[in-house]
Full PDB file with SEQRES, HELIX, SHEET, SSBOND, CRYST1, ORIGX, SCALE, CONECT and MASTER records, all heavy atoms in Angstrom:
SEQRES   1 A   43  GLN TYR GLY PRO GLN GLY ALA ASP ILE ALA LYS GLY GLY          
SEQRES   2 A   43  GLU LEU PHE ARG THR ASN CYS ALA GLN CYS HIS ASN PHE          
SEQRES   3 A   43  THR GLY LYS GLY GLY ALA LEU THR HIS GLY LYS TYR ALA          
SEQRES   4 A   43  PRO THR LEU GLU                                              
HELIX    1 AA1 ILE A    9  ASN A   19  1                                  11    
HELIX    2 AA2 ALA A   21  HIS A   24  1                                   4    
SHEET    1 AA1 2 GLY A  31  ALA A  32  0                                        
SHEET    2 AA1 2 TYR A  38  ALA A  39 -1                                        
CRYST1    1.000    1.000    1.000  90.00  90.00  90.00 P 1           1          
ORIGX1      1.000000  0.000000  0.000000        0.00000                         
ORIGX2      0.000000  1.000000  0.000000        0.00000                         
ORIGX3      0.000000  0.000000  1.000000        0.00000                         
SCALE1      1.000000  0.000000  0.000000        0.00000                         
SCALE2      0.000000  1.000000  0.000000        0.00000                         
SCALE3      0.000000  0.000000  1.000000        0.00000                         
ATOM      1  N   GLN A   1       8.291 -14.655   8.231  1.00  0.00           N  
ATOM      2  CA  GLN A   1       7.512 -14.403   7.008  1.00  0.00           C  
ATOM      3  C   GLN A   1       7.342 -12.909   6.714  1.00  0.00           C  
ATOM      4  O   GLN A   1       7.321 -12.525   5.531  1.00  0.00           O  
ATOM      5  CB  GLN A   1       6.131 -15.060   7.126  1.00  0.00           C  
ATOM      6  CG  GLN A   1       6.163 -16.583   7.107  1.00  0.00           C  
ATOM      7  CD  GLN A   1       4.794 -17.151   7.352  1.00  0.00           C  
ATOM      8  OE1 GLN A   1       4.306 -17.236   8.477  1.00  0.00           O  
ATOM      9  NE2 GLN A   1       4.155 -17.606   6.260  1.00  0.00           N  
ATOM     10  N   TYR A   2       7.185 -12.087   7.744  1.00  0.00           N  
ATOM     11  CA  TYR A   2       6.935 -10.661   7.480  1.00  0.00           C  
ATOM     12  C   TYR A   2       8.092  -9.767   7.874  1.00  0.00           C  
ATOM     13  O   TYR A   2       8.030  -8.557   7.693  1.00  0.00           O  
ATOM     14  CB  TYR A   2       5.661 -10.213   8.236  1.00  0.00           C  
ATOM     15  CG  TYR A   2       5.692 -10.408   9.753  1.00  0.00           C  
ATOM     16  CD1 TYR A   2       6.407  -9.551  10.575  1.00  0.00           C  
ATOM     17  CD2 TYR A   2       4.982 -11.435  10.325  1.00  0.00           C  
ATOM     18  CE1 TYR A   2       6.413  -9.727  11.930  1.00  0.00           C  
ATOM     19  CE2 TYR A   2       4.987 -11.623  11.705  1.00  0.00           C  
ATOM     20  CZ  TYR A   2       5.695 -10.765  12.516  1.00  0.00           C  
ATOM     21  OH  TYR A   2       5.713 -10.968  13.872  1.00  0.00           O  
ATOM     22  N   GLY A   3       9.170 -10.343   8.416  1.00  0.00           N  
ATOM     23  CA  GLY A   3      10.323  -9.535   8.797  1.00  0.00           C  
ATOM     24  C   GLY A   3      11.061  -8.945   7.614  1.00  0.00           C  
ATOM     25  O   GLY A   3      10.936  -9.449   6.468  1.00  0.00           O  
ATOM     26  N   PRO A   4      11.847  -7.886   7.796  1.00  0.00           N  
ATOM     27  CA  PRO A   4      12.484  -7.192   6.652  1.00  0.00           C  
ATOM     28  C   PRO A   4      13.744  -7.897   6.144  1.00  0.00           C  
ATOM     29  O   PRO A   4      14.264  -7.507   5.102  1.00  0.00           O  
ATOM     30  CB  PRO A   4      12.847  -5.839   7.289  1.00  0.00           C  
ATOM     31  CG  PRO A   4      13.076  -6.154   8.741  1.00  0.00           C  
ATOM     32  CD  PRO A   4      12.096  -7.237   9.086  1.00  0.00           C  
ATOM     33  N   GLN A   5      14.224  -8.933   6.826  1.00  0.00           N  
ATOM     34  CA  GLN A   5      15.451  -9.590   6.432  1.00  0.00           C  
ATOM     35  C   GLN A   5      15.329 -10.183   5.024  1.00  0.00           C  
ATOM     36  O   GLN A   5      14.440 -10.962   4.746  1.00  0.00           O  
ATOM     37  CB  GLN A   5      15.844 -10.708   7.402  1.00  0.00           C  
ATOM     38  CG  GLN A   5      16.155 -10.219   8.814  1.00  0.00           C  
ATOM     39  CD  GLN A   5      14.908  -9.993   9.651  1.00  0.00           C  
ATOM     40  OE1 GLN A   5      13.783 -10.308   9.201  1.00  0.00           O  
ATOM     41  NE2 GLN A   5      15.104  -9.461  10.825  1.00  0.00           N  
ATOM     42  N   GLY A   6      16.218  -9.731   4.138  1.00  0.00           N  
ATOM     43  CA  GLY A   6      16.274 -10.280   2.786  1.00  0.00           C  
ATOM     44  C   GLY A   6      15.208  -9.736   1.848  1.00  0.00           C  
ATOM     45  O   GLY A   6      15.075 -10.231   0.726  1.00  0.00           O  
ATOM     46  N   ALA A   7      14.461  -8.723   2.249  1.00  0.00           N  
ATOM     47  CA  ALA A   7      13.414  -8.187   1.404  1.00  0.00           C  
ATOM     48  C   ALA A   7      13.960  -7.255   0.348  1.00  0.00           C  
ATOM     49  O   ALA A   7      14.998  -6.597   0.526  1.00  0.00           O  
ATOM     50  CB  ALA A   7      12.386  -7.429   2.263  1.00  0.00           C  
ATOM     51  N   ASP A   8      13.262  -7.167  -0.766  1.00  0.00           N  
ATOM     52  CA  ASP A   8      13.626  -6.293  -1.880  1.00  0.00           C  
ATOM     53  C   ASP A   8      12.669  -5.097  -1.879  1.00  0.00           C  
ATOM     54  O   ASP A   8      11.527  -5.198  -2.309  1.00  0.00           O  
ATOM     55  CB  ASP A   8      13.509  -7.084  -3.206  1.00  0.00           C  
ATOM     56  CG  ASP A   8      14.050  -6.280  -4.405  1.00  0.00           C  
ATOM     57  OD1 ASP A   8      14.090  -5.049  -4.312  1.00  0.00           O  
ATOM     58  OD2 ASP A   8      14.397  -6.904  -5.419  1.00  0.00           O  
ATOM     59  N   ILE A   9      13.149  -3.951  -1.407  1.00  0.00           N  
ATOM     60  CA  ILE A   9      12.302  -2.772  -1.253  1.00  0.00           C  
ATOM     61  C   ILE A   9      11.842  -2.254  -2.590  1.00  0.00           C  
ATOM     62  O   ILE A   9      10.676  -1.864  -2.756  1.00  0.00           O  
ATOM     63  CB  ILE A   9      13.060  -1.675  -0.454  1.00  0.00           C  
ATOM     64  CG1 ILE A   9      13.347  -2.140   0.949  1.00  0.00           C  
ATOM     65  CG2 ILE A   9      12.260  -0.380  -0.433  1.00  0.00           C  
ATOM     66  CD1 ILE A   9      14.155  -1.163   1.795  1.00  0.00           C  
ATOM     67  N   ALA A  10      12.727  -2.236  -3.582  1.00  0.00           N  
ATOM     68  CA  ALA A  10      12.347  -1.746  -4.911  1.00  0.00           C  
ATOM     69  C   ALA A  10      11.252  -2.629  -5.527  1.00  0.00           C  
ATOM     70  O   ALA A  10      10.265  -2.109  -6.102  1.00  0.00           O  
ATOM     71  CB  ALA A  10      13.571  -1.730  -5.815  1.00  0.00           C  
ATOM     72  N   LYS A  11      11.389  -3.928  -5.399  1.00  0.00           N  
ATOM     73  CA  LYS A  11      10.362  -4.850  -5.898  1.00  0.00           C  
ATOM     74  C   LYS A  11       9.052  -4.638  -5.133  1.00  0.00           C  
ATOM     75  O   LYS A  11       7.971  -4.670  -5.708  1.00  0.00           O  
ATOM     76  CB  LYS A  11      10.846  -6.273  -5.747  1.00  0.00           C  
ATOM     77  CG  LYS A  11       9.850  -7.348  -6.225  1.00  0.00           C  
ATOM     78  CD  LYS A  11       9.648  -7.287  -7.712  1.00  0.00           C  
ATOM     79  CE  LYS A  11       8.792  -8.432  -8.182  1.00  0.00           C  
ATOM     80  NZ  LYS A  11       8.532  -8.376  -9.642  1.00  0.00           N  
ATOM     81  N   GLY A  12       9.166  -4.406  -3.825  1.00  0.00           N  
ATOM     82  CA  GLY A  12       7.987  -4.170  -3.021  1.00  0.00           C  
ATOM     83  C   GLY A  12       7.225  -2.910  -3.446  1.00  0.00           C  
ATOM     84  O   GLY A  12       6.016  -2.888  -3.495  1.00  0.00           O  
ATOM     85  N   GLY A  13       7.993  -1.873  -3.809  1.00  0.00           N  
ATOM     86  CA  GLY A  13       7.356  -0.641  -4.301  1.00  0.00           C  
ATOM     87  C   GLY A  13       6.632  -0.869  -5.597  1.00  0.00           C  
ATOM     88  O   GLY A  13       5.498  -0.373  -5.794  1.00  0.00           O  
ATOM     89  N   GLU A  14       7.211  -1.646  -6.478  1.00  0.00           N  
ATOM     90  CA  GLU A  14       6.576  -1.947  -7.742  1.00  0.00           C  
ATOM     91  C   GLU A  14       5.287  -2.736  -7.518  1.00  0.00           C  
ATOM     92  O   GLU A  14       4.230  -2.452  -8.135  1.00  0.00           O  
ATOM     93  CB  GLU A  14       7.517  -2.758  -8.608  1.00  0.00           C  
ATOM     94  CG  GLU A  14       6.960  -3.183  -9.953  1.00  0.00           C  
ATOM     95  CD  GLU A  14       7.928  -4.034 -10.748  1.00  0.00           C  
ATOM     96  OE1 GLU A  14       9.138  -4.014 -10.420  1.00  0.00           O  
ATOM     97  OE2 GLU A  14       7.479  -4.745 -11.669  1.00  0.00           O  
ATOM     98  N   LEU A  15       5.316  -3.735  -6.663  1.00  0.00           N  
ATOM     99  CA  LEU A  15       4.144  -4.565  -6.356  1.00  0.00           C  
ATOM    100  C   LEU A  15       3.073  -3.723  -5.674  1.00  0.00           C  
ATOM    101  O   LEU A  15       1.884  -3.877  -5.979  1.00  0.00           O  
ATOM    102  CB  LEU A  15       4.546  -5.736  -5.458  1.00  0.00           C  
ATOM    103  CG  LEU A  15       5.408  -6.823  -6.105  1.00  0.00           C  
ATOM    104  CD1 LEU A  15       5.970  -7.753  -5.056  1.00  0.00           C  
ATOM    105  CD2 LEU A  15       4.603  -7.587  -7.151  1.00  0.00           C  
ATOM    106  N   PHE A  16       3.462  -2.834  -4.785  1.00  0.00           N  
ATOM    107  CA  PHE A  16       2.480  -2.019  -4.056  1.00  0.00           C  
ATOM    108  C   PHE A  16       1.786  -1.053  -4.988  1.00  0.00           C  
ATOM    109  O   PHE A  16       0.563  -0.893  -4.952  1.00  0.00           O  
ATOM    110  CB  PHE A  16       3.174  -1.250  -2.918  1.00  0.00           C  
ATOM    111  CG  PHE A  16       2.216  -0.464  -2.066  1.00  0.00           C  
ATOM    112  CD1 PHE A  16       1.593  -1.080  -1.006  1.00  0.00           C  
ATOM    113  CD2 PHE A  16       1.969   0.877  -2.324  1.00  0.00           C  
ATOM    114  CE1 PHE A  16       0.672  -0.362  -0.212  1.00  0.00           C  
ATOM    115  CE2 PHE A  16       1.083   1.586  -1.538  1.00  0.00           C  
ATOM    116  CZ  PHE A  16       0.443   0.968  -0.486  1.00  0.00           C  
ATOM    117  N   ARG A  17       2.542  -0.426  -5.885  1.00  0.00           N  
ATOM    118  CA  ARG A  17       1.914   0.526  -6.822  1.00  0.00           C  
ATOM    119  C   ARG A  17       1.001  -0.175  -7.784  1.00  0.00           C  
ATOM    120  O   ARG A  17      -0.005   0.398  -8.231  1.00  0.00           O  
ATOM    121  CB  ARG A  17       3.030   1.290  -7.579  1.00  0.00           C  
ATOM    122  CG  ARG A  17       3.761   2.313  -6.741  1.00  0.00           C  
ATOM    123  CD  ARG A  17       4.701   3.156  -7.560  1.00  0.00           C  
ATOM    124  NE  ARG A  17       5.816   2.378  -8.103  1.00  0.00           N  
ATOM    125  CZ  ARG A  17       6.943   2.150  -7.445  1.00  0.00           C  
ATOM    126  NH1 ARG A  17       7.131   2.666  -6.213  1.00  0.00           N  
ATOM    127  NH2 ARG A  17       7.926   1.445  -7.975  1.00  0.00           N  
ATOM    128  N   THR A  18       1.288  -1.444  -8.097  1.00  0.00           N  
ATOM    129  CA  THR A  18       0.452  -2.194  -9.029  1.00  0.00           C  
ATOM    130  C   THR A  18      -0.816  -2.694  -8.368  1.00  0.00           C  
ATOM    131  O   THR A  18      -1.901  -2.653  -8.997  1.00  0.00           O  
ATOM    132  CB  THR A  18       1.241  -3.398  -9.584  1.00  0.00           C  
ATOM    133  OG1 THR A  18       2.425  -2.914 -10.241  1.00  0.00           O  
ATOM    134  CG2 THR A  18       0.403  -4.190 -10.585  1.00  0.00           C  
ATOM    135  N   ASN A  19      -0.718  -3.152  -7.119  1.00  0.00           N  
ATOM    136  CA  ASN A  19      -1.845  -3.850  -6.499  1.00  0.00           C  
ATOM    137  C   ASN A  19      -2.564  -3.085  -5.394  1.00  0.00           C  
ATOM    138  O   ASN A  19      -3.696  -3.404  -5.072  1.00  0.00           O  
ATOM    139  CB  ASN A  19      -1.329  -5.183  -5.870  1.00  0.00           C  
ATOM    140  CG  ASN A  19      -0.790  -6.131  -6.890  1.00  0.00           C  
ATOM    141  OD1 ASN A  19      -1.524  -6.796  -7.601  1.00  0.00           O  
ATOM    142  ND2 ASN A  19       0.537  -6.212  -6.996  1.00  0.00           N  
ATOM    143  N   CYS A  20      -1.923  -2.041  -4.842  1.00  0.00           N  
ATOM    144  CA  CYS A  20      -2.472  -1.452  -3.612  1.00  0.00           C  
ATOM    145  C   CYS A  20      -2.668   0.069  -3.680  1.00  0.00           C  
ATOM    146  O   CYS A  20      -3.516   0.613  -2.976  1.00  0.00           O  
ATOM    147  CB  CYS A  20      -1.563  -1.746  -2.424  1.00  0.00           C  
ATOM    148  SG  CYS A  20      -0.943  -3.450  -2.334  1.00  0.00           S  
ATOM    149  N   ALA A  21      -1.862   0.740  -4.512  1.00  0.00           N  
ATOM    150  CA  ALA A  21      -1.859   2.207  -4.513  1.00  0.00           C  
ATOM    151  C   ALA A  21      -3.163   2.817  -4.968  1.00  0.00           C  
ATOM    152  O   ALA A  21      -3.477   3.947  -4.611  1.00  0.00           O  
ATOM    153  CB  ALA A  21      -0.726   2.732  -5.389  1.00  0.00           C  
ATOM    154  N   GLN A  22      -3.994   2.085  -5.740  1.00  0.00           N  
ATOM    155  CA  GLN A  22      -5.266   2.612  -6.205  1.00  0.00           C  
ATOM    156  C   GLN A  22      -6.150   3.025  -5.028  1.00  0.00           C  
ATOM    157  O   GLN A  22      -6.952   3.945  -5.155  1.00  0.00           O  
ATOM    158  CB  GLN A  22      -6.013   1.607  -7.064  1.00  0.00           C  
ATOM    159  CG  GLN A  22      -5.263   1.154  -8.298  1.00  0.00           C  
ATOM    160  CD  GLN A  22      -4.447  -0.096  -8.063  1.00  0.00           C  
ATOM    161  OE1 GLN A  22      -3.877  -0.259  -6.993  1.00  0.00           O  
ATOM    162  NE2 GLN A  22      -4.414  -0.988  -9.036  1.00  0.00           N  
ATOM    163  N   CYS A  23      -6.016   2.354  -3.919  1.00  0.00           N  
ATOM    164  CA  CYS A  23      -6.845   2.656  -2.749  1.00  0.00           C  
ATOM    165  C   CYS A  23      -6.037   3.307  -1.637  1.00  0.00           C  
ATOM    166  O   CYS A  23      -6.505   4.231  -0.975  1.00  0.00           O  
ATOM    167  CB  CYS A  23      -7.490   1.374  -2.219  1.00  0.00           C  
ATOM    168  SG  CYS A  23      -8.637   0.570  -3.357  1.00  0.00           S  
ATOM    169  N   HIS A  24      -4.852   2.811  -1.358  1.00  0.00           N  
ATOM    170  CA  HIS A  24      -4.058   3.227  -0.214  1.00  0.00           C  
ATOM    171  C   HIS A  24      -3.122   4.391  -0.499  1.00  0.00           C  
ATOM    172  O   HIS A  24      -2.438   4.817   0.429  1.00  0.00           O  
ATOM    173  CB  HIS A  24      -3.248   2.047   0.351  1.00  0.00           C  
ATOM    174  CG  HIS A  24      -4.091   1.029   1.037  1.00  0.00           C  
ATOM    175  ND1 HIS A  24      -4.618   1.196   2.307  1.00  0.00           N  
ATOM    176  CD2 HIS A  24      -4.494  -0.199   0.640  1.00  0.00           C  
ATOM    177  CE1 HIS A  24      -5.303   0.120   2.664  1.00  0.00           C  
ATOM    178  NE2 HIS A  24      -5.246  -0.753   1.673  1.00  0.00           N  
ATOM    179  N   ASN A  25      -3.060   4.882  -1.738  1.00  0.00           N  
ATOM    180  CA  ASN A  25      -2.130   5.903  -2.140  1.00  0.00           C  
ATOM    181  C   ASN A  25      -0.738   5.292  -2.274  1.00  0.00           C  
ATOM    182  O   ASN A  25      -0.428   4.285  -1.619  1.00  0.00           O  
ATOM    183  CB  ASN A  25      -2.116   7.066  -1.130  1.00  0.00           C  
ATOM    184  CG  ASN A  25      -1.063   8.120  -1.417  1.00  0.00           C  
ATOM    185  OD1 ASN A  25       0.062   8.014  -0.955  1.00  0.00           O  
ATOM    186  ND2 ASN A  25      -1.440   9.122  -2.174  1.00  0.00           N  
ATOM    187  N   PHE A  26       0.126   5.840  -3.103  1.00  0.00           N  
ATOM    188  CA  PHE A  26       1.388   5.180  -3.395  1.00  0.00           C  
ATOM    189  C   PHE A  26       2.351   5.150  -2.235  1.00  0.00           C  
ATOM    190  O   PHE A  26       3.337   4.406  -2.263  1.00  0.00           O  
ATOM    191  CB  PHE A  26       2.053   5.867  -4.611  1.00  0.00           C  
ATOM    192  CG  PHE A  26       2.731   7.169  -4.322  1.00  0.00           C  
ATOM    193  CD1 PHE A  26       4.085   7.240  -4.151  1.00  0.00           C  
ATOM    194  CD2 PHE A  26       1.994   8.345  -4.190  1.00  0.00           C  
ATOM    195  CE1 PHE A  26       4.737   8.430  -3.868  1.00  0.00           C  
ATOM    196  CE2 PHE A  26       2.617   9.550  -3.932  1.00  0.00           C  
ATOM    197  CZ  PHE A  26       3.965   9.586  -3.774  1.00  0.00           C  
ATOM    198  N   THR A  27       2.074   5.936  -1.165  1.00  0.00           N  
ATOM    199  CA  THR A  27       2.904   5.845   0.040  1.00  0.00           C  
ATOM    200  C   THR A  27       2.155   5.221   1.195  1.00  0.00           C  
ATOM    201  O   THR A  27       2.647   5.241   2.330  1.00  0.00           O  
ATOM    202  CB  THR A  27       3.410   7.242   0.451  1.00  0.00           C  
ATOM    203  OG1 THR A  27       2.295   8.105   0.664  1.00  0.00           O  
ATOM    204  CG2 THR A  27       4.319   7.814  -0.612  1.00  0.00           C  
ATOM    205  N   GLY A  28       0.952   4.706   0.950  1.00  0.00           N  
ATOM    206  CA  GLY A  28       0.220   4.026   1.998  1.00  0.00           C  
ATOM    207  C   GLY A  28      -0.488   4.957   2.969  1.00  0.00           C  
ATOM    208  O   GLY A  28      -0.813   4.560   4.101  1.00  0.00           O  
ATOM    209  N   LYS A  29      -0.744   6.200   2.540  1.00  0.00           N  
ATOM    210  CA  LYS A  29      -1.400   7.140   3.443  1.00  0.00           C  
ATOM    211  C   LYS A  29      -2.903   6.962   3.496  1.00  0.00           C  
ATOM    212  O   LYS A  29      -3.605   7.587   4.280  1.00  0.00           O  
ATOM    213  CB  LYS A  29      -1.100   8.584   2.985  1.00  0.00           C  
ATOM    214  CG  LYS A  29       0.368   8.989   3.128  1.00  0.00           C  
ATOM    215  CD  LYS A  29       0.794   9.009   4.602  1.00  0.00           C  
ATOM    216  CE  LYS A  29       2.127   9.707   4.781  1.00  0.00           C  
ATOM    217  NZ  LYS A  29       3.242   8.976   4.119  1.00  0.00           N  
ATOM    218  N   GLY A  30      -3.458   6.114   2.629  1.00  0.00           N  
ATOM    219  CA  GLY A  30      -4.911   5.870   2.639  1.00  0.00           C  
ATOM    220  C   GLY A  30      -5.615   6.748   1.667  1.00  0.00           C  
ATOM    221  O   GLY A  30      -5.050   7.671   1.058  1.00  0.00           O  
ATOM    222  N   GLY A  31      -6.928   6.514   1.498  1.00  0.00           N  
ATOM    223  CA  GLY A  31      -7.712   7.310   0.589  1.00  0.00           C  
ATOM    224  C   GLY A  31      -9.176   6.958   0.700  1.00  0.00           C  
ATOM    225  O   GLY A  31      -9.562   5.975   1.340  1.00  0.00           O  
ATOM    226  N   ALA A  32     -10.025   7.799   0.093  1.00  0.00           N  
ATOM    227  CA  ALA A  32     -11.478   7.623   0.177  1.00  0.00           C  
ATOM    228  C   ALA A  32     -11.942   6.622  -0.880  1.00  0.00           C  
ATOM    229  O   ALA A  32     -11.389   6.527  -1.971  1.00  0.00           O  
ATOM    230  CB  ALA A  32     -12.175   8.958  -0.031  1.00  0.00           C  
ATOM    231  N   LEU A  33     -12.995   5.873  -0.500  1.00  0.00           N  
ATOM    232  CA  LEU A  33     -13.665   4.949  -1.417  1.00  0.00           C  
ATOM    233  C   LEU A  33     -15.114   5.377  -1.552  1.00  0.00           C  
ATOM    234  O   LEU A  33     -15.482   6.473  -1.140  1.00  0.00           O  
ATOM    235  CB  LEU A  33     -13.562   3.512  -0.893  1.00  0.00           C  
ATOM    236  CG  LEU A  33     -12.149   2.973  -0.661  1.00  0.00           C  
ATOM    237  CD1 LEU A  33     -12.198   1.591  -0.035  1.00  0.00           C  
ATOM    238  CD2 LEU A  33     -11.378   2.947  -1.972  1.00  0.00           C  
ATOM    239  N   THR A  34     -15.946   4.566  -2.124  1.00  0.00           N  
ATOM    240  CA  THR A  34     -17.353   4.929  -2.359  1.00  0.00           C  
ATOM    241  C   THR A  34     -18.213   4.641  -1.115  1.00  0.00           C  
ATOM    242  O   THR A  34     -17.853   3.853  -0.245  1.00  0.00           O  
ATOM    243  CB  THR A  34     -17.916   4.129  -3.542  1.00  0.00           C  
ATOM    244  OG1 THR A  34     -17.779   2.721  -3.252  1.00  0.00           O  
ATOM    245  CG2 THR A  34     -17.186   4.449  -4.794  1.00  0.00           C  
ATOM    246  N   HIS A  35     -19.355   5.336  -1.055  1.00  0.00           N  
ATOM    247  CA  HIS A  35     -20.388   5.113  -0.005  1.00  0.00           C  
ATOM    248  C   HIS A  35     -19.815   5.259   1.416  1.00  0.00           C  
ATOM    249  O   HIS A  35     -20.180   4.508   2.305  1.00  0.00           O  
ATOM    250  CB  HIS A  35     -20.993   3.719  -0.173  1.00  0.00           C  
ATOM    251  CG  HIS A  35     -21.589   3.459  -1.516  1.00  0.00           C  
ATOM    252  ND1 HIS A  35     -22.685   4.154  -2.025  1.00  0.00           N  
ATOM    253  CD2 HIS A  35     -21.202   2.610  -2.515  1.00  0.00           C  
ATOM    254  CE1 HIS A  35     -22.961   3.702  -3.235  1.00  0.00           C  
ATOM    255  NE2 HIS A  35     -22.086   2.798  -3.566  1.00  0.00           N  
ATOM    256  N   GLY A  36     -18.960   6.226   1.580  1.00  0.00           N  
ATOM    257  CA  GLY A  36     -18.438   6.536   2.926  1.00  0.00           C  
ATOM    258  C   GLY A  36     -17.349   5.601   3.406  1.00  0.00           C  
ATOM    259  O   GLY A  36     -16.859   5.748   4.506  1.00  0.00           O  
ATOM    260  N   LYS A  37     -16.927   4.670   2.571  1.00  0.00           N  
ATOM    261  CA  LYS A  37     -15.871   3.747   2.963  1.00  0.00           C  
ATOM    262  C   LYS A  37     -14.495   4.376   2.630  1.00  0.00           C  
ATOM    263  O   LYS A  37     -14.413   5.376   1.924  1.00  0.00           O  
ATOM    264  CB  LYS A  37     -16.024   2.415   2.220  1.00  0.00           C  
ATOM    265  CG  LYS A  37     -17.346   1.737   2.545  1.00  0.00           C  
ATOM    266  CD  LYS A  37     -17.526   0.467   1.723  1.00  0.00           C  
ATOM    267  CE  LYS A  37     -18.874  -0.183   2.012  1.00  0.00           C  
ATOM    268  NZ  LYS A  37     -19.068  -1.412   1.195  1.00  0.00           N  
ATOM    269  N   TYR A  38     -13.448   3.767   3.131  1.00  0.00           N  
ATOM    270  CA  TYR A  38     -12.113   4.326   2.927  1.00  0.00           C  
ATOM    271  C   TYR A  38     -11.060   3.237   3.063  1.00  0.00           C  
ATOM    272  O   TYR A  38     -11.301   2.197   3.713  1.00  0.00           O  
ATOM    273  CB  TYR A  38     -11.831   5.453   3.938  1.00  0.00           C  
ATOM    274  CG  TYR A  38     -11.921   4.993   5.388  1.00  0.00           C  
ATOM    275  CD1 TYR A  38     -10.790   4.536   6.060  1.00  0.00           C  
ATOM    276  CD2 TYR A  38     -13.139   4.993   6.056  1.00  0.00           C  
ATOM    277  CE1 TYR A  38     -10.889   4.116   7.376  1.00  0.00           C  
ATOM    278  CE2 TYR A  38     -13.207   4.589   7.366  1.00  0.00           C  
ATOM    279  CZ  TYR A  38     -12.074   4.132   8.034  1.00  0.00           C  
ATOM    280  OH  TYR A  38     -12.163   3.706   9.329  1.00  0.00           O  
ATOM    281  N   ALA A  39      -9.941   3.491   2.432  1.00  0.00           N  
ATOM    282  CA  ALA A  39      -8.764   2.624   2.632  1.00  0.00           C  
ATOM    283  C   ALA A  39      -7.918   3.268   3.742  1.00  0.00           C  
ATOM    284  O   ALA A  39      -7.455   4.393   3.574  1.00  0.00           O  
ATOM    285  CB  ALA A  39      -7.960   2.537   1.346  1.00  0.00           C  
ATOM    286  N   PRO A  40      -7.724   2.595   4.849  1.00  0.00           N  
ATOM    287  CA  PRO A  40      -7.045   3.234   5.991  1.00  0.00           C  
ATOM    288  C   PRO A  40      -5.565   3.429   5.711  1.00  0.00           C  
ATOM    289  O   PRO A  40      -4.957   2.803   4.849  1.00  0.00           O  
ATOM    290  CB  PRO A  40      -7.230   2.200   7.114  1.00  0.00           C  
ATOM    291  CG  PRO A  40      -7.402   0.894   6.427  1.00  0.00           C  
ATOM    292  CD  PRO A  40      -8.134   1.206   5.169  1.00  0.00           C  
ATOM    293  N   THR A  41      -4.981   4.355   6.444  1.00  0.00           N  
ATOM    294  CA  THR A  41      -3.542   4.595   6.340  1.00  0.00           C  
ATOM    295  C   THR A  41      -2.809   3.345   6.834  1.00  0.00           C  
ATOM    296  O   THR A  41      -3.242   2.653   7.740  1.00  0.00           O  
ATOM    297  CB  THR A  41      -3.122   5.820   7.175  1.00  0.00           C  
ATOM    298  OG1 THR A  41      -1.700   5.952   7.068  1.00  0.00           O  
ATOM    299  CG2 THR A  41      -3.510   5.694   8.625  1.00  0.00           C  
ATOM    300  N   LEU A  42      -1.658   3.081   6.239  1.00  0.00           N  
ATOM    301  CA  LEU A  42      -0.827   1.958   6.625  1.00  0.00           C  
ATOM    302  C   LEU A  42       0.372   2.423   7.443  1.00  0.00           C  
ATOM    303  O   LEU A  42       1.207   1.606   7.827  1.00  0.00           O  
ATOM    304  CB  LEU A  42      -0.345   1.216   5.374  1.00  0.00           C  
ATOM    305  CG  LEU A  42      -1.459   0.665   4.462  1.00  0.00           C  
ATOM    306  CD1 LEU A  42      -0.869   0.003   3.240  1.00  0.00           C  
ATOM    307  CD2 LEU A  42      -2.364  -0.272   5.231  1.00  0.00           C  
ATOM    308  N   GLU A  43       0.430   3.704   7.717  1.00  0.00           N  
ATOM    309  CA  GLU A  43       1.532   4.213   8.525  1.00  0.00           C  
ATOM    310  C   GLU A  43       1.343   3.801   9.983  1.00  0.00           C  
ATOM    311  O   GLU A  43       0.278   4.008  10.581  1.00  0.00           O  
ATOM    312  CB  GLU A  43       1.584   5.746   8.429  1.00  0.00           C  
ATOM    313  CG  GLU A  43       2.820   6.344   9.095  1.00  0.00           C  
ATOM    314  CD  GLU A  43       2.932   7.852   8.803  1.00  0.00           C  
ATOM    315  OE1 GLU A  43       1.999   8.393   8.196  1.00  0.00           O  
ATOM    316  OE2 GLU A  43       3.953   8.426   9.186  1.00  0.00           O  
TER     317      GLU A  43                                                      
MASTER        0    0    0    2    2    0    0    6  316    1    0    4          
END                                                                             
């Protein structure tokens, strides 16, 4: 289910920027949220 075989990296980038980049940054490095919370790095 999570292995890279057969995955579409370009499609994944589009989905990540649409659904995740607001908090995790477009490369998954993480970012600050409100009230001392944060989105952790995904590296």
